[in-house]
């Protein structure tokens, strides 16, 4: 949509590298407030997402950053 804001870019870069949801939350809060203040777009809705994990997949974690945030740590258990 052509929106550019270095403050937003910086917040996104920092929030994506924080390892815990608790520490990332203030960054996401500031991101949301800045987006609201700038109003570059009218958000009408956010679709709900349902995530599920097969019991053979371990070390998964779902938090505010989404379900793929730690995919590099996932392990598949072979039950053969």
PDB file of N, CA and C in Angstrom:
ATOM      1  N   UNK A   1       0.811  -1.195   0.000  1.00  0.00           N
ATOM      2  CA  UNK A   1       0.000   0.000   0.000  1.00  0.00           C
ATOM      3  C   UNK A   1       0.852   1.254   0.000  1.00  0.00           C
ATOM      4  N   UNK A   2       2.176   1.105   0.107  1.00  0.00           N
ATOM      5  CA  UNK A   2       3.069   2.251  -0.003  1.00  0.00           C
ATOM      6  C   UNK A   2       3.387   2.957   1.292  1.00  0.00           C
ATOM      7  N   UNK A   3       3.019   2.414   2.432  1.00  0.00           N
ATOM      8  CA  UNK A   3       3.312   3.042   3.720  1.00  0.00           C
ATOM      9  C   UNK A   3       4.761   2.783   4.093  1.00  0.00           C
ATOM     10  N   UNK A   4       5.456   3.836   4.495  1.00  0.00           N
ATOM     11  CA  UNK A   4       6.847   3.692   4.928  1.00  0.00           C
ATOM     12  C   UNK A   4       7.053   4.512   6.191  1.00  0.00           C
ATOM     13  N   UNK A   5       7.650   3.876   7.198  1.00  0.00           N
ATOM     14  CA  UNK A   5       7.901   4.551   8.459  1.00  0.00           C
ATOM     15  C   UNK A   5       9.093   3.863   9.122  1.00  0.00           C
ATOM     16  N   UNK A   6      10.184   4.585   9.298  1.00  0.00           N
ATOM     17  CA  UNK A   6      11.387   3.974   9.862  1.00  0.00           C
ATOM     18  C   UNK A   6      11.182   3.523  11.306  1.00  0.00           C
ATOM     19  N   UNK A   7      10.335   4.215  12.059  1.00  0.00           N
ATOM     20  CA  UNK A   7      10.048   3.815  13.447  1.00  0.00           C
ATOM     21  C   UNK A   7       9.342   2.457  13.469  1.00  0.00           C
ATOM     22  N   UNK A   8       8.366   2.287  12.582  1.00  0.00           N
ATOM     23  CA  UNK A   8       7.645   1.014  12.470  1.00  0.00           C
ATOM     24  C   UNK A   8       8.609  -0.091  12.053  1.00  0.00           C
ATOM     25  N   UNK A   9       9.433   0.184  11.051  1.00  0.00           N
ATOM     26  CA  UNK A   9      10.402  -0.812  10.582  1.00  0.00           C
ATOM     27  C   UNK A   9      11.330  -1.249  11.711  1.00  0.00           C
ATOM     28  N   UNK A  10      11.793  -0.295  12.508  1.00  0.00           N
ATOM     29  CA  UNK A  10      12.689  -0.599  13.618  1.00  0.00           C
ATOM     30  C   UNK A  10      11.985  -1.454  14.675  1.00  0.00           C
ATOM     31  N   UNK A  11      10.748  -1.100  15.012  1.00  0.00           N
ATOM     32  CA  UNK A  11       9.992  -1.884  15.999  1.00  0.00           C
ATOM     33  C   UNK A  11       9.778  -3.317  15.511  1.00  0.00           C
ATOM     34  N   UNK A  12       9.440  -3.475  14.244  1.00  0.00           N
ATOM     35  CA  UNK A  12       9.241  -4.825  13.693  1.00  0.00           C
ATOM     36  C   UNK A  12      10.526  -5.636  13.734  1.00  0.00           C
ATOM     37  N   UNK A  13      11.630  -5.012  13.346  1.00  0.00           N
ATOM     38  CA  UNK A  13      12.918  -5.714  13.367  1.00  0.00           C
ATOM     39  C   UNK A  13      13.287  -6.158  14.778  1.00  0.00           C
ATOM     40  N   UNK A  14      13.087  -5.285  15.761  1.00  0.00           N
ATOM     41  CA  UNK A  14      13.412  -5.623  17.151  1.00  0.00           C
ATOM     42  C   UNK A  14      12.476  -6.699  17.692  1.00  0.00           C
ATOM     43  N   UNK A  15      11.169  -6.547  17.461  1.00  0.00           N
ATOM     44  CA  UNK A  15      10.180  -7.479  18.016  1.00  0.00           C
ATOM     45  C   UNK A  15      10.381  -8.893  17.484  1.00  0.00           C
ATOM     46  N   UNK A  16      10.801  -9.024  16.233  1.00  0.00           N
ATOM     47  CA  UNK A  16      10.986 -10.350  15.638  1.00  0.00           C
ATOM     48  C   UNK A  16      12.204 -11.081  16.190  1.00  0.00           C
ATOM     49  N   UNK A  17      13.106 -10.354  16.849  1.00  0.00           N
ATOM     50  CA  UNK A  17      14.315 -11.001  17.361  1.00  0.00           C
ATOM     51  C   UNK A  17      14.256 -11.296  18.853  1.00  0.00           C
ATOM     52  N   UNK A  18      13.238 -10.801  19.536  1.00  0.00           N
ATOM     53  CA  UNK A  18      13.120 -11.030  20.978  1.00  0.00           C
ATOM     54  C   UNK A  18      12.669 -12.461  21.218  1.00  0.00           C
ATOM     55  N   UNK A  19      13.334 -13.143  22.127  1.00  0.00           N
ATOM     56  CA  UNK A  19      13.096 -14.575  22.314  1.00  0.00           C
ATOM     57  C   UNK A  19      11.862 -14.918  23.139  1.00  0.00           C
ATOM     58  N   UNK A  20      11.391 -14.019  23.987  1.00  0.00           N
ATOM     59  CA  UNK A  20      10.223 -14.357  24.802  1.00  0.00           C
ATOM     60  C   UNK A  20       9.060 -13.423  24.493  1.00  0.00           C
ATOM     61  N   UNK A  21       7.864 -13.973  24.556  1.00  0.00           N
ATOM     62  CA  UNK A  21       6.660 -13.184  24.291  1.00  0.00           C
ATOM     63  C   UNK A  21       6.523 -12.050  25.301  1.00  0.00           C
ATOM     64  N   UNK A  22       6.898 -12.313  26.536  1.00  0.00           N
ATOM     65  CA  UNK A  22       6.792 -11.298  27.589  1.00  0.00           C
ATOM     66  C   UNK A  22       7.662 -10.081  27.269  1.00  0.00           C
ATOM     67  N   UNK A  23       8.874 -10.315  26.788  1.00  0.00           N
ATOM     68  CA  UNK A  23       9.771  -9.211  26.447  1.00  0.00           C
ATOM     69  C   UNK A  23       9.384  -8.543  25.132  1.00  0.00           C
ATOM     70  N   UNK A  24       8.758  -9.290  24.236  1.00  0.00           N
ATOM     71  CA  UNK A  24       8.360  -8.738  22.943  1.00  0.00           C
ATOM     72  C   UNK A  24       7.076  -7.921  23.038  1.00  0.00           C
ATOM     73  N   UNK A  25       6.241  -8.206  24.021  1.00  0.00           N
ATOM     74  CA  UNK A  25       4.926  -7.563  24.117  1.00  0.00           C
ATOM     75  C   UNK A  25       4.993  -6.033  24.104  1.00  0.00           C
ATOM     76  N   UNK A  26       5.891  -5.387  24.867  1.00  0.00           N
ATOM     77  CA  UNK A  26       5.948  -3.920  24.812  1.00  0.00           C
ATOM     78  C   UNK A  26       6.277  -3.385  23.422  1.00  0.00           C
ATOM     79  N   UNK A  27       7.094  -4.110  22.678  1.00  0.00           N
ATOM     80  CA  UNK A  27       7.426  -3.685  21.317  1.00  0.00           C
ATOM     81  C   UNK A  27       6.219  -3.800  20.398  1.00  0.00           C
ATOM     82  N   UNK A  28       5.460  -4.901  20.524  1.00  0.00           N
ATOM     83  CA  UNK A  28       4.258  -5.066  19.710  1.00  0.00           C
ATOM     84  C   UNK A  28       3.202  -4.039  20.104  1.00  0.00           C
ATOM     85  N   UNK A  29       3.094  -3.726  21.395  1.00  0.00           N
ATOM     86  CA  UNK A  29       2.148  -2.697  21.836  1.00  0.00           C
ATOM     87  C   UNK A  29       2.492  -1.346  21.225  1.00  0.00           C
ATOM     88  N   UNK A  30       3.782  -1.009  21.240  1.00  0.00           N
ATOM     89  CA  UNK A  30       4.230   0.267  20.667  1.00  0.00           C
ATOM     90  C   UNK A  30       4.009   0.275  19.151  1.00  0.00           C
ATOM     91  N   UNK A  31       4.255  -0.849  18.499  1.00  0.00           N
ATOM     92  CA  UNK A  31       3.999  -0.980  17.068  1.00  0.00           C
ATOM     93  C   UNK A  31       2.523  -0.697  16.768  1.00  0.00           C
ATOM     94  N   UNK A  32       1.627  -1.342  17.527  1.00  0.00           N
ATOM     95  CA  UNK A  32       0.197  -1.166  17.286  1.00  0.00           C
ATOM     96  C   UNK A  32      -0.244   0.275  17.535  1.00  0.00           C
ATOM     97  N   UNK A  33       0.264   0.899  18.594  1.00  0.00           N
ATOM     98  CA  UNK A  33      -0.081   2.289  18.886  1.00  0.00           C
ATOM     99  C   UNK A  33       0.409   3.210  17.771  1.00  0.00           C
ATOM    100  N   UNK A  34       1.619   2.985  17.285  1.00  0.00           N
ATOM    101  CA  UNK A  34       2.171   3.816  16.212  1.00  0.00           C
ATOM    102  C   UNK A  34       1.358   3.654  14.929  1.00  0.00           C
ATOM    103  N   UNK A  35       0.984   2.422  14.596  1.00  0.00           N
ATOM    104  CA  UNK A  35       0.143   2.186  13.416  1.00  0.00           C
ATOM    105  C   UNK A  35      -1.196   2.906  13.581  1.00  0.00           C
ATOM    106  N   UNK A  36      -1.776   2.813  14.769  1.00  0.00           N
ATOM    107  CA  UNK A  36      -3.058   3.474  15.026  1.00  0.00           C
ATOM    108  C   UNK A  36      -2.917   4.987  14.896  1.00  0.00           C
ATOM    109  N   UNK A  37      -1.845   5.547  15.450  1.00  0.00           N
ATOM    110  CA  UNK A  37      -1.621   6.994  15.379  1.00  0.00           C
ATOM    111  C   UNK A  37      -1.412   7.458  13.936  1.00  0.00           C
ATOM    112  N   UNK A  38      -0.703   6.673  13.141  1.00  0.00           N
ATOM    113  CA  UNK A  38      -0.418   7.036  11.750  1.00  0.00           C
ATOM    114  C   UNK A  38      -1.627   6.792  10.833  1.00  0.00           C
ATOM    115  N   UNK A  39      -2.424   5.794  11.182  1.00  0.00           N
ATOM    116  CA  UNK A  39      -3.610   5.397  10.403  1.00  0.00           C
ATOM    117  C   UNK A  39      -3.343   5.290   8.903  1.00  0.00           C
ATOM    118  N   UNK A  40      -2.362   4.471   8.504  1.00  0.00           N
ATOM    119  CA  UNK A  40      -2.085   4.334   7.077  1.00  0.00           C
ATOM    120  C   UNK A  40      -3.111   3.469   6.347  1.00  0.00           C
ATOM    121  N   UNK A  41      -3.942   2.786   7.119  1.00  0.00           N
ATOM    122  CA  UNK A  41      -4.852   1.803   6.551  1.00  0.00           C
ATOM    123  C   UNK A  41      -5.978   1.592   7.535  1.00  0.00           C
ATOM    124  N   UNK A  42      -7.154   1.283   7.061  1.00  0.00           N
ATOM    125  CA  UNK A  42      -8.274   0.974   7.951  1.00  0.00           C
ATOM    126  C   UNK A  42      -8.413  -0.535   8.046  1.00  0.00           C
ATOM    127  N   UNK A  43      -8.138  -1.065   9.244  1.00  0.00           N
ATOM    128  CA  UNK A  43      -8.227  -2.499   9.479  1.00  0.00           C
ATOM    129  C   UNK A  43      -9.662  -2.838   9.851  1.00  0.00           C
ATOM    130  N   UNK A  44     -10.342  -3.564   8.987  1.00  0.00           N
ATOM    131  CA  UNK A  44     -11.739  -3.881   9.226  1.00  0.00           C
ATOM    132  C   UNK A  44     -11.908  -5.127  10.085  1.00  0.00           C
ATOM    133  N   UNK A  45     -11.018  -6.076   9.930  1.00  0.00           N
ATOM    134  CA  UNK A  45     -11.086  -7.300  10.718  1.00  0.00           C
ATOM    135  C   UNK A  45      -9.757  -8.035  10.631  1.00  0.00           C
ATOM    136  N   UNK A  46      -9.561  -8.947  11.547  1.00  0.00           N
ATOM    137  CA  UNK A  46      -8.420  -9.839  11.524  1.00  0.00           C
ATOM    138  C   UNK A  46      -8.983 -11.254  11.601  1.00  0.00           C
ATOM    139  N   UNK A  47      -8.729 -12.073  10.590  1.00  0.00           N
ATOM    140  CA  UNK A  47      -9.306 -13.423  10.614  1.00  0.00           C
ATOM    141  C   UNK A  47      -8.714 -14.273  11.744  1.00  0.00           C
ATOM    142  N   UNK A  48      -9.550 -15.116  12.311  1.00  0.00           N
ATOM    143  CA  UNK A  48      -9.081 -16.057  13.322  1.00  0.00           C
ATOM    144  C   UNK A  48      -8.286 -17.164  12.640  1.00  0.00           C
ATOM    145  N   UNK A  49      -7.264 -17.632  13.321  1.00  0.00           N
ATOM    146  CA  UNK A  49      -6.460 -18.729  12.806  1.00  0.00           C
ATOM    147  C   UNK A  49      -6.461 -19.854  13.837  1.00  0.00           C
ATOM    148  N   UNK A  50      -6.672 -21.041  13.373  1.00  0.00           N
ATOM    149  CA  UNK A  50      -6.633 -22.216  14.232  1.00  0.00           C
ATOM    150  C   UNK A  50      -5.371 -22.985  13.905  1.00  0.00           C
ATOM    151  N   UNK A  51      -4.584 -23.275  14.927  1.00  0.00           N
ATOM    152  CA  UNK A  51      -3.342 -24.016  14.724  1.00  0.00           C
ATOM    153  C   UNK A  51      -3.395 -25.314  15.500  1.00  0.00           C
ATOM    154  N   UNK A  52      -2.861 -26.356  14.912  1.00  0.00           N
ATOM    155  CA  UNK A  52      -2.784 -27.655  15.572  1.00  0.00           C
ATOM    156  C   UNK A  52      -1.423 -28.267  15.253  1.00  0.00           C
ATOM    157  N   UNK A  53      -0.954 -29.106  16.164  1.00  0.00           N
ATOM    158  CA  UNK A  53       0.352 -29.726  15.991  1.00  0.00           C
ATOM    159  C   UNK A  53       0.207 -31.231  16.184  1.00  0.00           C
ATOM    160  N   UNK A  54       0.747 -31.994  15.257  1.00  0.00           N
ATOM    161  CA  UNK A  54       0.747 -33.441  15.371  1.00  0.00           C
ATOM    162  C   UNK A  54       1.567 -33.842  16.593  1.00  0.00           C
ATOM    163  N   UNK A  55       1.125 -34.870  17.310  1.00  0.00           N
ATOM    164  CA  UNK A  55       1.815 -35.296  18.531  1.00  0.00           C
ATOM    165  C   UNK A  55       3.241 -35.792  18.268  1.00  0.00           C
ATOM    166  N   UNK A  56       3.573 -36.100  17.012  1.00  0.00           N
ATOM    167  CA  UNK A  56       4.933 -36.533  16.672  1.00  0.00           C
ATOM    168  C   UNK A  56       5.907 -35.365  16.500  1.00  0.00           C
ATOM    169  N   UNK A  57       5.392 -34.149  16.541  1.00  0.00           N
ATOM    170  CA  UNK A  57       6.233 -32.974  16.376  1.00  0.00           C
ATOM    171  C   UNK A  57       6.469 -32.344  17.754  1.00  0.00           C
ATOM    172  N   UNK A  58       7.743 -32.222  18.144  1.00  0.00           N
ATOM    173  CA  UNK A  58       8.064 -31.695  19.471  1.00  0.00           C
ATOM    174  C   UNK A  58       8.771 -30.350  19.360  1.00  0.00           C
ATOM    175  N   UNK A  59       8.912 -29.683  20.496  1.00  0.00           N
ATOM    176  CA  UNK A  59       9.578 -28.382  20.620  1.00  0.00           C
ATOM    177  C   UNK A  59       8.845 -27.274  19.877  1.00  0.00           C
ATOM    178  N   UNK A  60       7.522 -27.390  19.756  1.00  0.00           N
ATOM    179  CA  UNK A  60       6.753 -26.338  19.097  1.00  0.00           C
ATOM    180  C   UNK A  60       6.351 -25.290  20.129  1.00  0.00           C
ATOM    181  N   UNK A  61       6.137 -24.094  19.651  1.00  0.00           N
ATOM    182  CA  UNK A  61       5.725 -23.000  20.520  1.00  0.00           C
ATOM    183  C   UNK A  61       4.864 -22.038  19.713  1.00  0.00           C
ATOM    184  N   UNK A  62       3.693 -21.717  20.228  1.00  0.00           N
ATOM    185  CA  UNK A  62       2.805 -20.770  19.564  1.00  0.00           C
ATOM    186  C   UNK A  62       2.613 -19.586  20.503  1.00  0.00           C
ATOM    187  N   UNK A  63       2.933 -18.397  20.007  1.00  0.00           N
ATOM    188  CA  UNK A  63       2.726 -17.194  20.809  1.00  0.00           C
ATOM    189  C   UNK A  63       2.349 -16.030  19.900  1.00  0.00           C
ATOM    190  N   UNK A  64       2.466 -14.826  20.390  1.00  0.00           N
ATOM    191  CA  UNK A  64       2.033 -13.640  19.652  1.00  0.00           C
ATOM    192  C   UNK A  64       2.741 -13.484  18.311  1.00  0.00           C
ATOM    193  N   UNK A  65       3.913 -14.076  18.188  1.00  0.00           N
ATOM    194  CA  UNK A  65       4.669 -13.977  16.933  1.00  0.00           C
ATOM    195  C   UNK A  65       4.203 -14.978  15.890  1.00  0.00           C
ATOM    196  N   UNK A  66       3.327 -15.886  16.260  1.00  0.00           N
ATOM    197  CA  UNK A  66       2.809 -16.866  15.316  1.00  0.00           C
ATOM    198  C   UNK A  66       3.305 -18.266  15.616  1.00  0.00           C
ATOM    199  N   UNK A  67       2.906 -19.201  14.773  1.00  0.00           N
ATOM    200  CA  UNK A  67       3.238 -20.602  15.041  1.00  0.00           C
ATOM    201  C   UNK A  67       4.567 -21.039  14.433  1.00  0.00           C
ATOM    202  N   UNK A  68       5.175 -20.224  13.606  1.00  0.00           N
ATOM    203  CA  UNK A  68       6.439 -20.610  12.980  1.00  0.00           C
ATOM    204  C   UNK A  68       7.656 -19.984  13.657  1.00  0.00           C
ATOM    205  N   UNK A  69       7.437 -19.275  14.770  1.00  0.00           N
ATOM    206  CA  UNK A  69       8.533 -18.505  15.372  1.00  0.00           C
ATOM    207  C   UNK A  69       9.734 -19.349  15.764  1.00  0.00           C
ATOM    208  N   UNK A  70       9.541 -20.598  16.105  1.00  0.00           N
ATOM    209  CA  UNK A  70      10.686 -21.434  16.501  1.00  0.00           C
ATOM    210  C   UNK A  70      10.778 -22.704  15.657  1.00  0.00           C
ATOM    211  N   UNK A  71      10.352 -22.615  14.419  1.00  0.00           N
ATOM    212  CA  UNK A  71      10.334 -23.814  13.567  1.00  0.00           C
ATOM    213  C   UNK A  71      11.718 -24.438  13.395  1.00  0.00           C
ATOM    214  N   UNK A  72      12.759 -23.675  13.576  1.00  0.00           N
ATOM    215  CA  UNK A  72      14.117 -24.218  13.475  1.00  0.00           C
ATOM    216  C   UNK A  72      14.433 -25.187  14.623  1.00  0.00           C
ATOM    217  N   UNK A  73      13.595 -25.184  15.675  1.00  0.00           N
ATOM    218  CA  UNK A  73      13.814 -26.073  16.823  1.00  0.00           C
ATOM    219  C   UNK A  73      12.908 -27.309  16.792  1.00  0.00           C
ATOM    220  N   UNK A  74      11.990 -27.387  15.850  1.00  0.00           N
ATOM    221  CA  UNK A  74      11.063 -28.503  15.794  1.00  0.00           C
ATOM    222  C   UNK A  74      11.804 -29.813  15.545  1.00  0.00           C
ATOM    223  N   UNK A  75      11.269 -30.885  16.152  1.00  0.00           N
ATOM    224  CA  UNK A  75      11.821 -32.220  15.927  1.00  0.00           C
ATOM    225  C   UNK A  75      10.671 -33.183  15.691  1.00  0.00           C
ATOM    226  N   UNK A  76      10.849 -34.063  14.738  1.00  0.00           N
ATOM    227  CA  UNK A  76       9.852 -35.054  14.424  1.00  0.00           C
ATOM    228  C   UNK A  76      10.246 -36.386  15.035  1.00  0.00           C
ATOM    229  N   UNK A  77       9.351 -36.966  15.800  1.00  0.00           N
ATOM    230  CA  UNK A  77       9.596 -38.269  16.429  1.00  0.00           C
ATOM    231  C   UNK A  77       9.141 -39.365  15.460  1.00  0.00           C
ATOM    232  N   UNK A  78      10.007 -40.269  15.163  1.00  0.00           N
ATOM    233  CA  UNK A  78       9.680 -41.397  14.287  1.00  0.00           C
ATOM    234  C   UNK A  78       9.160 -42.544  15.140  1.00  0.00           C
ATOM    235  N   UNK A  79       7.861 -42.853  14.992  1.00  0.00           N
ATOM    236  CA  UNK A  79       7.243 -43.909  15.810  1.00  0.00           C
ATOM    237  C   UNK A  79       7.174 -45.246  15.087  1.00  0.00           C
ATOM    238  N   UNK A  80       7.995 -45.431  14.087  1.00  0.00           N
ATOM    239  CA  UNK A  80       7.953 -46.726  13.367  1.00  0.00           C
ATOM    240  C   UNK A  80       8.513 -47.825  14.186  1.00  0.00           C
TER     241      UNK A  80
END
